[in-house]
């Protein structure tokens, strides 16, 4: 994964937004996935669609599923991300709970 993201990556996650947290760089991505693993059992992230938004952006529509640790409550949610690329690596990721918001943020429409 390190070769895909820039050293100065900024990842604005919908899951960590309530904490005001931004994950940064390679270590930030590792911390993000660790926090998900600590919160969910049987965690699964499935990219449903990748949309070329033109220029240096792509939109990913993603399904996340799993069960809450401790509660065992099942979770299944579709969300969107806008990835901004630079020099062949991901420089910024912005997540949106509503996939339509991600599409709109990238200057596209459904």
Protein backbone atom coordinates (compact mmCIF):
# COMPACT_ATOMS: atom_id res chain seq x y z
CA UNK A 1 0.00 0.00 0.00
CA UNK A 2 2.89 2.39 0.72
CA UNK A 3 3.78 2.63 -2.97
CA UNK A 4 0.22 3.82 -3.78
CA UNK A 5 0.08 6.76 -1.37
CA UNK A 6 2.26 9.84 -1.14
CA UNK A 7 4.30 10.52 1.98
CA UNK A 8 2.13 13.57 2.67
CA UNK A 9 -1.26 11.92 2.07
CA UNK A 10 -4.25 13.44 3.87
CA UNK A 11 -7.15 11.05 4.41
CA UNK A 12 -10.41 12.58 5.62
CA UNK A 13 -12.42 9.56 6.77
CA UNK A 14 -16.15 9.67 7.43
CA UNK A 15 -15.60 7.11 10.20
CA UNK A 16 -13.15 9.36 12.06
CA UNK A 17 -14.83 12.69 11.24
CA UNK A 18 -16.65 12.83 14.58
CA UNK A 19 -13.24 12.86 16.27
CA UNK A 20 -11.96 15.57 13.91
CA UNK A 21 -9.17 13.23 12.90
CA UNK A 22 -7.25 13.31 9.63
CA UNK A 23 -4.99 10.37 8.79
CA UNK A 24 -1.67 11.44 7.31
CA UNK A 25 0.95 9.62 5.28
CA UNK A 26 1.80 5.94 5.28
CA UNK A 27 1.49 5.65 9.05
CA UNK A 28 -1.93 7.29 8.90
CA UNK A 29 -3.26 4.67 6.48
CA UNK A 30 -1.98 1.90 8.75
CA UNK A 31 -3.66 3.57 11.76
CA UNK A 32 -6.92 3.91 9.82
CA UNK A 33 -7.10 0.20 8.97
CA UNK A 34 -6.05 -0.74 12.50
CA UNK A 35 -8.87 1.38 13.94
CA UNK A 36 -11.35 -0.35 11.64
CA UNK A 37 -10.08 -3.78 12.70
CA UNK A 38 -10.44 -2.74 16.34
CA UNK A 39 -14.06 -1.70 15.77
CA UNK A 40 -15.37 -4.44 13.48
CA UNK A 41 -15.29 -8.22 13.09
CA UNK A 42 -15.50 -9.72 9.61
CA UNK A 43 -14.69 -6.32 8.11
CA UNK A 44 -14.92 -6.17 4.35
CA UNK A 45 -14.42 -3.24 1.96
CA UNK A 46 -15.56 -3.82 -1.62
CA UNK A 47 -15.03 -1.24 -4.36
CA UNK A 48 -18.21 -1.25 -6.42
CA UNK A 49 -17.21 1.29 -9.04
CA UNK A 50 -14.30 3.55 -9.97
CA UNK A 51 -15.24 6.71 -11.89
CA UNK A 52 -12.73 8.86 -13.74
CA UNK A 53 -13.60 12.41 -12.67
CA UNK A 54 -11.09 13.94 -15.06
CA UNK A 55 -7.92 15.77 -14.23
CA UNK A 56 -6.30 14.31 -11.15
CA UNK A 57 -9.38 12.82 -9.44
CA UNK A 58 -11.24 9.53 -9.32
CA UNK A 59 -14.37 8.63 -7.38
CA UNK A 60 -14.64 5.26 -5.65
CA UNK A 61 -18.02 3.88 -4.64
CA UNK A 62 -17.44 1.39 -1.84
CA UNK A 63 -19.45 -1.07 0.25
CA UNK A 64 -18.28 -1.62 3.82
CA UNK A 65 -19.66 -4.52 5.83
CA UNK A 66 -18.89 -6.28 9.06
CA UNK A 67 -20.13 -6.73 12.62
CA UNK A 68 -19.50 -4.35 15.48
CA UNK A 69 -17.04 -5.75 18.01
CA UNK A 70 -18.81 -6.38 21.27
CA UNK A 71 -22.29 -5.66 19.92
CA UNK A 72 -22.18 -8.08 16.95
CA UNK A 73 -24.55 -5.67 15.17
CA UNK A 74 -24.21 -6.15 11.41
CA UNK A 75 -23.13 -3.14 9.36
CA UNK A 76 -23.48 -2.71 5.60
CA UNK A 77 -23.14 0.73 4.09
CA UNK A 78 -22.33 2.18 0.68
CA UNK A 79 -20.23 5.32 0.69
CA UNK A 80 -18.06 7.35 -1.68
CA UNK A 81 -14.51 8.61 -1.76
CA UNK A 82 -12.76 11.17 -3.92
CA UNK A 83 -9.10 10.34 -4.51
CA UNK A 84 -6.78 13.11 -5.68
CA UNK A 85 -3.68 11.86 -7.47
CA UNK A 86 -0.30 13.45 -8.01
CA UNK A 87 2.82 11.98 -9.62
CA UNK A 88 1.27 8.50 -9.73
CA UNK A 89 0.34 8.37 -6.04
CA UNK A 90 -2.73 9.21 -3.97
CA UNK A 91 -2.24 12.60 -2.32
CA UNK A 92 -5.67 13.11 -0.72
CA UNK A 93 -8.74 10.99 0.04
CA UNK A 94 -12.05 12.58 1.04
CA UNK A 95 -14.82 10.24 2.19
CA UNK A 96 -18.55 10.91 2.05
CA UNK A 97 -21.34 8.91 3.73
CA UNK A 98 -23.55 9.54 0.69
CA UNK A 99 -22.01 8.39 -2.60
CA UNK A 100 -23.87 11.18 -4.44
CA UNK A 101 -21.96 13.74 -2.33
CA UNK A 102 -18.65 12.23 -3.46
CA UNK A 103 -19.74 12.37 -7.08
CA UNK A 104 -20.84 15.98 -6.66
CA UNK A 105 -17.63 16.93 -4.82
CA UNK A 106 -15.66 15.69 -7.84
CA UNK A 107 -17.70 17.97 -10.11
CA UNK A 108 -19.79 15.17 -11.62
CA UNK A 109 -23.48 14.28 -11.45
CA UNK A 110 -25.23 10.91 -11.20
